[in-house]
Amino acid sequence: MTDEHRVHLSRAARPAYDALDAFATTVGDLAAKAGIDDRLKELAMIHASQLNGCAYCVRVHVDRAAKAGITADDISQLAVWRESGVFSERERAALELAECYVFIHEDGVPDDVYDRVGGILSEQEYVALSWLLVSINAFNRITIAGKYPVPPRKGA
């Protein structure tokens, strides 16, 4: 990364950022009411952020995942979730849907994925998870465009 000055969107247009933050809160509430637990939510958020290349959001959601009891081993398996046996059927559905939302420009949500995920998650869960993924993709774009720093942690 260069040291060039970048506009920090969350500071430069605070009302827009606050609206996105309120949207994220609404979506989080919707997800909780639909039965999306913190483990499922954070795994999907981390995976989407990894695929988008958003180091800042990966750090934020790994921290939240740790607070939700997700282990380092679970997080390390996200990159190879299809080959790994550590994720439940619901989590695998969420990870597959996360990939569709990250790469929405390629095939949208293909019918086979929609049918498979819809056969595992309820309609309310599918809707809530979809909104979570819309939200994290928006935050990923803000932080990537602004090159938000992710320095080493002290004592890490």
N, C-alpha and C. Protein backbone atom coordinates (compact mmCIF):
# COMPACT_ATOMS: atom_id res chain seq x y z
N MET A 1 0.83 -1.18 0.00
CA MET A 1 0.00 0.00 0.00
C MET A 1 0.87 1.24 0.00
N THR A 2 0.40 2.24 -0.66
CA THR A 2 1.13 3.50 -0.68
C THR A 2 0.63 4.39 0.46
N ASP A 3 1.40 5.43 0.72
CA ASP A 3 1.01 6.38 1.76
C ASP A 3 0.19 7.54 1.20
N GLU A 4 -0.25 7.41 -0.07
CA GLU A 4 -1.02 8.48 -0.68
C GLU A 4 -2.29 8.76 0.11
N HIS A 5 -2.73 10.02 0.02
CA HIS A 5 -3.94 10.42 0.73
C HIS A 5 -5.17 9.85 0.03
N ARG A 6 -6.04 9.28 0.79
CA ARG A 6 -7.31 8.78 0.28
C ARG A 6 -8.43 9.43 1.06
N VAL A 7 -9.51 9.68 0.37
CA VAL A 7 -10.69 10.19 1.05
C VAL A 7 -11.24 9.08 1.92
N HIS A 8 -11.52 9.42 3.13
CA HIS A 8 -12.08 8.48 4.10
C HIS A 8 -13.59 8.69 4.04
N LEU A 9 -14.30 7.83 3.30
CA LEU A 9 -15.72 8.04 3.03
C LEU A 9 -16.56 8.16 4.29
N SER A 10 -16.21 7.42 5.33
CA SER A 10 -17.02 7.47 6.54
C SER A 10 -16.88 8.81 7.25
N ARG A 11 -15.81 9.53 7.00
CA ARG A 11 -15.64 10.87 7.58
C ARG A 11 -16.09 11.96 6.61
N ALA A 12 -15.88 11.75 5.33
CA ALA A 12 -16.15 12.79 4.33
C ALA A 12 -17.64 13.01 4.08
N ALA A 13 -18.43 11.99 4.28
CA ALA A 13 -19.88 12.09 4.10
C ALA A 13 -20.54 11.32 5.23
N ARG A 14 -20.39 11.83 6.42
CA ARG A 14 -20.84 11.12 7.61
C ARG A 14 -22.31 10.72 7.56
N PRO A 15 -23.22 11.56 7.06
CA PRO A 15 -24.63 11.13 7.03
C PRO A 15 -24.84 9.86 6.19
N ALA A 16 -24.12 9.73 5.09
CA ALA A 16 -24.26 8.53 4.26
C ALA A 16 -23.73 7.31 5.01
N TYR A 17 -22.58 7.47 5.66
CA TYR A 17 -22.02 6.37 6.41
C TYR A 17 -22.93 5.99 7.59
N ASP A 18 -23.46 6.98 8.27
CA ASP A 18 -24.38 6.71 9.38
C ASP A 18 -25.62 5.95 8.90
N ALA A 19 -26.10 6.30 7.71
CA ALA A 19 -27.25 5.58 7.14
C ALA A 19 -26.89 4.13 6.85
N LEU A 20 -25.69 3.90 6.33
CA LEU A 20 -25.24 2.52 6.08
C LEU A 20 -25.08 1.77 7.40
N ASP A 21 -24.55 2.43 8.40
CA ASP A 21 -24.39 1.81 9.70
C ASP A 21 -25.76 1.46 10.30
N ALA A 22 -26.73 2.35 10.16
CA ALA A 22 -28.10 2.07 10.64
C ALA A 22 -28.70 0.90 9.87
N PHE A 23 -28.45 0.87 8.56
CA PHE A 23 -28.90 -0.24 7.72
C PHE A 23 -28.31 -1.56 8.25
N ALA A 24 -27.02 -1.55 8.56
CA ALA A 24 -26.36 -2.75 9.08
C ALA A 24 -26.98 -3.19 10.40
N THR A 25 -27.33 -2.25 11.24
CA THR A 25 -27.99 -2.57 12.51
C THR A 25 -29.35 -3.20 12.25
N THR A 26 -30.11 -2.60 11.34
CA THR A 26 -31.43 -3.14 10.99
C THR A 26 -31.31 -4.56 10.45
N VAL A 27 -30.35 -4.76 9.58
CA VAL A 27 -30.12 -6.07 8.97
C VAL A 27 -29.69 -7.08 10.03
N GLY A 28 -28.85 -6.66 10.96
CA GLY A 28 -28.43 -7.54 12.05
C GLY A 28 -29.60 -7.96 12.91
N ASP A 29 -30.49 -7.02 13.20
CA ASP A 29 -31.70 -7.34 13.97
C ASP A 29 -32.60 -8.31 13.20
N LEU A 30 -32.76 -8.05 11.92
CA LEU A 30 -33.56 -8.93 11.06
C LEU A 30 -32.98 -10.35 11.08
N ALA A 31 -31.66 -10.44 10.99
CA ALA A 31 -31.00 -11.75 10.99
C ALA A 31 -31.22 -12.48 12.31
N ALA A 32 -31.07 -11.77 13.41
CA ALA A 32 -31.27 -12.39 14.72
C ALA A 32 -32.70 -12.90 14.87
N LYS A 33 -33.66 -12.10 14.44
CA LYS A 33 -35.07 -12.51 14.53
C LYS A 33 -35.37 -13.70 13.63
N ALA A 34 -34.62 -13.82 12.53
CA ALA A 34 -34.83 -14.94 11.60
C ALA A 34 -34.12 -16.21 12.05
N GLY A 35 -33.32 -16.13 13.11
CA GLY A 35 -32.63 -17.32 13.60
C GLY A 35 -31.21 -17.48 13.11
N ILE A 36 -30.65 -16.43 12.53
CA ILE A 36 -29.25 -16.47 12.11
C ILE A 36 -28.40 -16.19 13.34
N ASP A 37 -27.69 -17.20 13.84
CA ASP A 37 -26.89 -17.00 15.04
C ASP A 37 -25.57 -16.31 14.69
N ASP A 38 -24.86 -15.86 15.73
CA ASP A 38 -23.62 -15.11 15.52
C ASP A 38 -22.56 -15.92 14.78
N ARG A 39 -22.50 -17.21 15.05
CA ARG A 39 -21.51 -18.05 14.37
C ARG A 39 -21.75 -18.04 12.87
N LEU A 40 -22.97 -18.32 12.46
CA LEU A 40 -23.30 -18.36 11.03
C LEU A 40 -23.05 -16.99 10.39
N LYS A 41 -23.51 -15.95 11.07
CA LYS A 41 -23.35 -14.59 10.55
C LYS A 41 -21.88 -14.23 10.37
N GLU A 42 -21.08 -14.44 11.39
CA GLU A 42 -19.67 -14.02 11.31
C GLU A 42 -18.88 -14.86 10.32
N LEU A 43 -19.17 -16.14 10.20
CA LEU A 43 -18.48 -16.96 9.19
C LEU A 43 -18.77 -16.41 7.79
N ALA A 44 -20.03 -16.07 7.53
CA ALA A 44 -20.39 -15.53 6.21
C ALA A 44 -19.73 -14.17 5.98
N MET A 45 -19.70 -13.33 7.00
CA MET A 45 -19.10 -12.00 6.87
C MET A 45 -17.60 -12.08 6.63
N ILE A 46 -16.94 -12.96 7.35
CA ILE A 46 -15.49 -13.14 7.16
C ILE A 46 -15.22 -13.64 5.75
N HIS A 47 -15.95 -14.66 5.33
CA HIS A 47 -15.71 -15.25 4.01
C HIS A 47 -15.92 -14.24 2.90
N ALA A 48 -17.00 -13.47 2.96
CA ALA A 48 -17.25 -12.44 1.95
C ALA A 48 -16.12 -11.42 1.95
N SER A 49 -15.70 -11.00 3.13
CA SER A 49 -14.62 -10.01 3.22
C SER A 49 -13.30 -10.56 2.70
N GLN A 50 -13.02 -11.84 2.97
CA GLN A 50 -11.81 -12.47 2.43
C GLN A 50 -11.86 -12.46 0.90
N LEU A 51 -12.98 -12.88 0.35
CA LEU A 51 -13.09 -12.96 -1.11
C LEU A 51 -13.01 -11.59 -1.77
N ASN A 52 -13.53 -10.58 -1.10
CA ASN A 52 -13.45 -9.22 -1.63
C ASN A 52 -12.07 -8.61 -1.43
N GLY A 53 -11.24 -9.21 -0.60
CA GLY A 53 -9.91 -8.68 -0.33
C GLY A 53 -9.93 -7.51 0.65
N CYS A 54 -10.85 -7.54 1.58
CA CYS A 54 -11.00 -6.44 2.54
C CYS A 54 -10.37 -6.83 3.88
N ALA A 55 -9.10 -6.50 4.04
CA ALA A 55 -8.37 -6.85 5.25
C ALA A 55 -8.99 -6.21 6.49
N TYR A 56 -9.46 -4.98 6.35
CA TYR A 56 -10.04 -4.25 7.47
C TYR A 56 -11.27 -4.99 8.00
N CYS A 57 -12.20 -5.34 7.12
CA CYS A 57 -13.42 -6.03 7.54
C CYS A 57 -13.14 -7.46 8.01
N VAL A 58 -12.14 -8.11 7.42
CA VAL A 58 -11.76 -9.44 7.92
C VAL A 58 -11.37 -9.32 9.39
N ARG A 59 -10.54 -8.31 9.71
CA ARG A 59 -10.12 -8.16 11.10
C ARG A 59 -11.31 -7.89 12.01
N VAL A 60 -12.18 -6.99 11.61
CA VAL A 60 -13.35 -6.65 12.43
C VAL A 60 -14.18 -7.90 12.70
N HIS A 61 -14.44 -8.69 11.66
CA HIS A 61 -15.33 -9.85 11.83
C HIS A 61 -14.64 -11.05 12.46
N VAL A 62 -13.33 -11.16 12.33
CA VAL A 62 -12.61 -12.20 13.07
C VAL A 62 -12.66 -11.89 14.56
N ASP A 63 -12.51 -10.61 14.92
CA ASP A 63 -12.63 -10.23 16.32
C ASP A 63 -14.03 -10.56 16.86
N ARG A 64 -15.05 -10.24 16.08
CA ARG A 64 -16.42 -10.55 16.50
C ARG A 64 -16.64 -12.07 16.57
N ALA A 65 -16.04 -12.78 15.64
CA ALA A 65 -16.16 -14.25 15.63
C ALA A 65 -15.55 -14.84 16.89
N ALA A 66 -14.40 -14.33 17.28
CA ALA A 66 -13.74 -14.84 18.49
C ALA A 66 -14.64 -14.61 19.71
N LYS A 67 -15.28 -13.45 19.77
CA LYS A 67 -16.19 -13.16 20.88
C LYS A 67 -17.41 -14.09 20.85
N ALA A 68 -17.76 -14.57 19.66
CA ALA A 68 -18.90 -15.49 19.51
C ALA A 68 -18.47 -16.94 19.72
N GLY A 69 -17.19 -17.17 20.04
CA GLY A 69 -16.73 -18.52 20.32
C GLY A 69 -16.22 -19.30 19.12
N ILE A 70 -16.06 -18.64 18.00
CA ILE A 70 -15.54 -19.31 16.81
C ILE A 70 -14.02 -19.43 16.98
N THR A 71 -13.51 -20.62 16.74
CA THR A 71 -12.09 -20.88 16.98
C THR A 71 -11.22 -20.45 15.79
N ALA A 72 -9.94 -20.31 16.06
CA ALA A 72 -8.97 -20.01 15.01
C ALA A 72 -8.97 -21.13 13.97
N ASP A 73 -9.15 -22.37 14.41
CA ASP A 73 -9.20 -23.48 13.47
C ASP A 73 -10.38 -23.34 12.52
N ASP A 74 -11.55 -22.98 13.05
CA ASP A 74 -12.71 -22.78 12.19
C ASP A 74 -12.43 -21.69 11.15
N ILE A 75 -11.88 -20.58 11.60
CA ILE A 75 -11.58 -19.47 10.69
C ILE A 75 -10.56 -19.88 9.64
N SER A 76 -9.57 -20.66 10.05
CA SER A 76 -8.55 -21.10 9.09
C SER A 76 -9.11 -22.02 8.02
N GLN A 77 -10.24 -22.65 8.30
CA GLN A 77 -10.85 -23.57 7.35
C GLN A 77 -11.77 -22.89 6.34
N LEU A 78 -12.04 -21.61 6.52
CA LEU A 78 -12.95 -20.92 5.61
C LEU A 78 -12.50 -20.98 4.16
N ALA A 79 -11.21 -20.83 3.93
CA ALA A 79 -10.70 -20.82 2.56
C ALA A 79 -10.91 -22.17 1.86
N VAL A 80 -11.06 -23.21 2.64
CA VAL A 80 -11.21 -24.56 2.08
C VAL A 80 -12.49 -25.23 2.59
N TRP A 81 -13.53 -24.43 2.77
CA TRP A 81 -14.74 -24.93 3.41
C TRP A 81 -15.36 -26.11 2.68
N ARG A 82 -15.22 -26.17 1.37
CA ARG A 82 -15.82 -27.30 0.62
C ARG A 82 -15.13 -28.63 0.96
N GLU A 83 -13.85 -28.56 1.26
CA GLU A 83 -13.10 -29.77 1.57
C GLU A 83 -13.08 -30.07 3.06
N SER A 84 -13.45 -29.10 3.88
CA SER A 84 -13.36 -29.22 5.33
C SER A 84 -14.62 -29.84 5.92
N GLY A 85 -14.45 -30.52 7.01
CA GLY A 85 -15.59 -31.12 7.71
C GLY A 85 -16.03 -30.34 8.94
N VAL A 86 -15.53 -29.12 9.13
CA VAL A 86 -15.83 -28.40 10.37
C VAL A 86 -17.12 -27.58 10.32
N PHE A 87 -17.72 -27.44 9.14
CA PHE A 87 -18.90 -26.59 9.03
C PHE A 87 -20.17 -27.40 8.87
N SER A 88 -21.22 -26.91 9.51
CA SER A 88 -22.52 -27.56 9.42
C SER A 88 -23.13 -27.33 8.04
N GLU A 89 -24.20 -28.03 7.77
CA GLU A 89 -24.90 -27.87 6.49
C GLU A 89 -25.39 -26.43 6.33
N ARG A 90 -25.90 -25.84 7.38
CA ARG A 90 -26.37 -24.44 7.34
C ARG A 90 -25.21 -23.49 7.06
N GLU A 91 -24.09 -23.72 7.72
CA GLU A 91 -22.92 -22.87 7.51
C GLU A 91 -22.39 -23.00 6.09
N ARG A 92 -22.39 -24.20 5.57
CA ARG A 92 -21.94 -24.42 4.19
C ARG A 92 -22.86 -23.69 3.21
N ALA A 93 -24.16 -23.71 3.49
CA ALA A 93 -25.11 -22.98 2.65
C ALA A 93 -24.82 -21.48 2.70
N ALA A 94 -24.55 -20.97 3.89
CA ALA A 94 -24.24 -19.55 4.05
C ALA A 94 -22.96 -19.17 3.32
N LEU A 95 -21.95 -20.02 3.38
CA LEU A 95 -20.68 -19.74 2.71
C LEU A 95 -20.85 -19.76 1.19
N GLU A 96 -21.65 -20.69 0.71
CA GLU A 96 -21.90 -20.73 -0.73
C GLU A 96 -22.67 -19.49 -1.19
N LEU A 97 -23.65 -19.08 -0.40
CA LEU A 97 -24.40 -17.89 -0.75
C LEU A 97 -23.51 -16.65 -0.68
N ALA A 98 -22.61 -16.61 0.29
CA ALA A 98 -21.67 -15.48 0.39
C ALA A 98 -20.85 -15.36 -0.89
N GLU A 99 -20.40 -16.48 -1.41
CA GLU A 99 -19.63 -16.45 -2.66
C GLU A 99 -20.47 -15.91 -3.81
N CYS A 100 -21.73 -16.27 -3.87
CA CYS A 100 -22.60 -15.76 -4.92
C CYS A 100 -22.75 -14.25 -4.83
N TYR A 101 -22.90 -13.74 -3.62
CA TYR A 101 -23.07 -12.29 -3.46
C TYR A 101 -21.78 -11.53 -3.77
N VAL A 102 -20.64 -12.09 -3.44
CA VAL A 102 -19.37 -11.44 -3.79
C VAL A 102 -19.20 -11.39 -5.30
N PHE A 103 -19.52 -12.48 -5.97
CA PHE A 103 -19.33 -12.58 -7.41
C PHE A 103 -20.66 -12.45 -8.16
N ILE A 104 -21.55 -11.63 -7.64
CA ILE A 104 -22.90 -11.47 -8.19
C ILE A 104 -22.88 -11.06 -9.65
N HIS A 105 -21.83 -10.36 -10.06
CA HIS A 105 -21.70 -9.89 -11.43
C HIS A 105 -21.46 -11.03 -12.43
N GLU A 106 -21.07 -12.18 -11.95
CA GLU A 106 -20.78 -13.30 -12.86
C GLU A 106 -22.04 -14.07 -13.24
N ASP A 107 -22.73 -14.62 -12.25
CA ASP A 107 -23.90 -15.46 -12.52
C ASP A 107 -25.09 -15.14 -11.63
N GLY A 108 -25.03 -14.05 -10.90
CA GLY A 108 -26.09 -13.78 -9.93
C GLY A 108 -26.08 -14.87 -8.87
N VAL A 109 -27.25 -15.29 -8.46
CA VAL A 109 -27.39 -16.47 -7.60
C VAL A 109 -27.98 -17.54 -8.50
N PRO A 110 -27.15 -18.46 -8.99
CA PRO A 110 -27.65 -19.48 -9.91
C PRO A 110 -28.80 -20.29 -9.31
N ASP A 111 -29.67 -20.78 -10.16
CA ASP A 111 -30.84 -21.54 -9.71
C ASP A 111 -30.46 -22.73 -8.83
N ASP A 112 -29.38 -23.44 -9.19
CA ASP A 112 -29.01 -24.61 -8.39
C ASP A 112 -28.57 -24.20 -6.98
N VAL A 113 -27.88 -23.07 -6.86
CA VAL A 113 -27.47 -22.58 -5.53
C VAL A 113 -28.71 -22.12 -4.76
N TYR A 114 -29.56 -21.36 -5.43
CA TYR A 114 -30.79 -20.88 -4.80
C TYR A 114 -31.62 -22.05 -4.26
N ASP A 115 -31.77 -23.08 -5.07
CA ASP A 115 -32.54 -24.26 -4.66
C ASP A 115 -31.86 -25.01 -3.51
N ARG A 116 -30.54 -25.18 -3.61
CA ARG A 116 -29.81 -25.91 -2.56
C ARG A 116 -29.86 -25.14 -1.23
N VAL A 117 -29.53 -23.85 -1.29
CA VAL A 117 -29.54 -23.04 -0.07
C VAL A 117 -30.96 -22.91 0.47
N GLY A 118 -31.93 -22.74 -0.43
CA GLY A 118 -33.33 -22.64 -0.02
C GLY A 118 -33.88 -23.92 0.57
N GLY A 119 -33.24 -25.04 0.25
CA GLY A 119 -33.65 -26.31 0.83
C GLY A 119 -33.06 -26.53 2.22
N ILE A 120 -32.12 -25.69 2.59
CA ILE A 120 -31.46 -25.80 3.90
C ILE A 120 -31.92 -24.70 4.85
N LEU A 121 -31.98 -23.48 4.33
CA LEU A 121 -32.40 -22.33 5.14
C LEU A 121 -33.87 -22.04 4.88
N SER A 122 -34.53 -21.53 5.90
CA SER A 122 -35.91 -21.09 5.69
C SER A 122 -35.90 -19.84 4.82
N GLU A 123 -37.06 -19.47 4.31
CA GLU A 123 -37.14 -18.25 3.50
C GLU A 123 -36.70 -17.03 4.31
N GLN A 124 -37.11 -16.95 5.57
CA GLN A 124 -36.71 -15.83 6.42
C GLN A 124 -35.20 -15.81 6.63
N GLU A 125 -34.61 -16.97 6.83
CA GLU A 125 -33.15 -17.04 7.01
C GLU A 125 -32.43 -16.65 5.73
N TYR A 126 -32.94 -17.12 4.59
CA TYR A 126 -32.33 -16.78 3.29
C TYR A 126 -32.38 -15.26 3.08
N VAL A 127 -33.52 -14.68 3.34
CA VAL A 127 -33.68 -13.23 3.16
C VAL A 127 -32.73 -12.48 4.09
N ALA A 128 -32.70 -12.85 5.36
CA ALA A 128 -31.85 -12.18 6.33
C ALA A 128 -30.37 -12.32 5.97
N LEU A 129 -29.95 -13.51 5.61
CA LEU A 129 -28.57 -13.73 5.23
C LEU A 129 -28.22 -12.92 3.97
N SER A 130 -29.14 -12.86 3.04
CA SER A 130 -28.91 -12.07 1.83
C SER A 130 -28.68 -10.60 2.18
N TRP A 131 -29.50 -10.05 3.07
CA TRP A 131 -29.32 -8.66 3.48
C TRP A 131 -28.00 -8.46 4.21
N LEU A 132 -27.60 -9.42 5.04
CA LEU A 132 -26.28 -9.33 5.69
C LEU A 132 -25.17 -9.26 4.64
N LEU A 133 -25.31 -10.05 3.59
CA LEU A 133 -24.28 -10.07 2.55
C LEU A 133 -24.27 -8.79 1.73
N VAL A 134 -25.43 -8.22 1.49
CA VAL A 134 -25.50 -6.92 0.81
C VAL A 134 -24.76 -5.89 1.68
N SER A 135 -25.01 -5.92 2.97
CA SER A 135 -24.39 -4.98 3.89
C SER A 135 -22.87 -5.12 3.92
N ILE A 136 -22.36 -6.32 4.10
CA ILE A 136 -20.90 -6.49 4.20
C ILE A 136 -20.23 -6.15 2.88
N ASN A 137 -20.86 -6.45 1.76
CA ASN A 137 -20.26 -6.08 0.48
C ASN A 137 -20.16 -4.56 0.34
N ALA A 138 -21.14 -3.83 0.85
CA ALA A 138 -21.07 -2.36 0.82
C ALA A 138 -19.91 -1.87 1.70
N PHE A 139 -19.82 -2.39 2.92
CA PHE A 139 -18.72 -1.97 3.80
C PHE A 139 -17.36 -2.35 3.20
N ASN A 140 -17.26 -3.53 2.60
CA ASN A 140 -16.00 -3.93 1.96
C ASN A 140 -15.58 -2.91 0.92
N ARG A 141 -16.51 -2.45 0.11
CA ARG A 141 -16.18 -1.50 -0.94
C ARG A 141 -15.71 -0.16 -0.39
N ILE A 142 -16.32 0.28 0.70
CA ILE A 142 -15.91 1.54 1.32
C ILE A 142 -14.49 1.43 1.85
N THR A 143 -14.20 0.36 2.57
CA THR A 143 -12.88 0.25 3.19
C THR A 143 -11.79 -0.08 2.18
N ILE A 144 -12.11 -0.85 1.16
CA ILE A 144 -11.12 -1.14 0.11
C ILE A 144 -10.80 0.13 -0.67
N ALA A 145 -11.82 0.87 -1.07
CA ALA A 145 -11.61 2.10 -1.84
C ALA A 145 -10.79 3.12 -1.04
N GLY A 146 -11.01 3.16 0.27
CA GLY A 146 -10.29 4.09 1.12
C GLY A 146 -8.95 3.58 1.62
N LYS A 147 -8.62 2.34 1.28
CA LYS A 147 -7.39 1.70 1.75
C LYS A 147 -7.23 1.85 3.25
N TYR A 148 -8.29 1.48 3.98
CA TYR A 148 -8.23 1.57 5.44
C TYR A 148 -7.06 0.72 5.93
N PRO A 149 -6.26 1.26 6.81
CA PRO A 149 -5.05 0.53 7.24
C PRO A 149 -5.37 -0.63 8.19
N VAL A 150 -4.55 -1.64 8.08
CA VAL A 150 -4.64 -2.79 8.99
C VAL A 150 -3.21 -3.07 9.47
N PRO A 151 -2.77 -2.27 10.45
CA PRO A 151 -1.39 -2.44 10.93
C PRO A 151 -1.27 -3.67 11.83
N PRO A 152 -0.05 -4.12 12.03
CA PRO A 152 0.14 -5.23 12.99
C PRO A 152 -0.35 -4.78 14.37
N ARG A 153 -0.84 -5.72 15.12
CA ARG A 153 -1.29 -5.41 16.49
C ARG A 153 -0.09 -5.45 17.43
N LYS A 154 -0.12 -4.58 18.39
CA LYS A 154 0.94 -4.56 19.38
C LYS A 154 0.84 -5.81 20.23
N GLY A 155 1.97 -6.46 20.39
CA GLY A 155 2.01 -7.67 21.21
C GLY A 155 1.52 -8.91 20.48
N ALA A 156 1.20 -8.77 19.19
CA ALA A 156 0.70 -9.93 18.45
C ALA A 156 1.82 -10.64 17.73
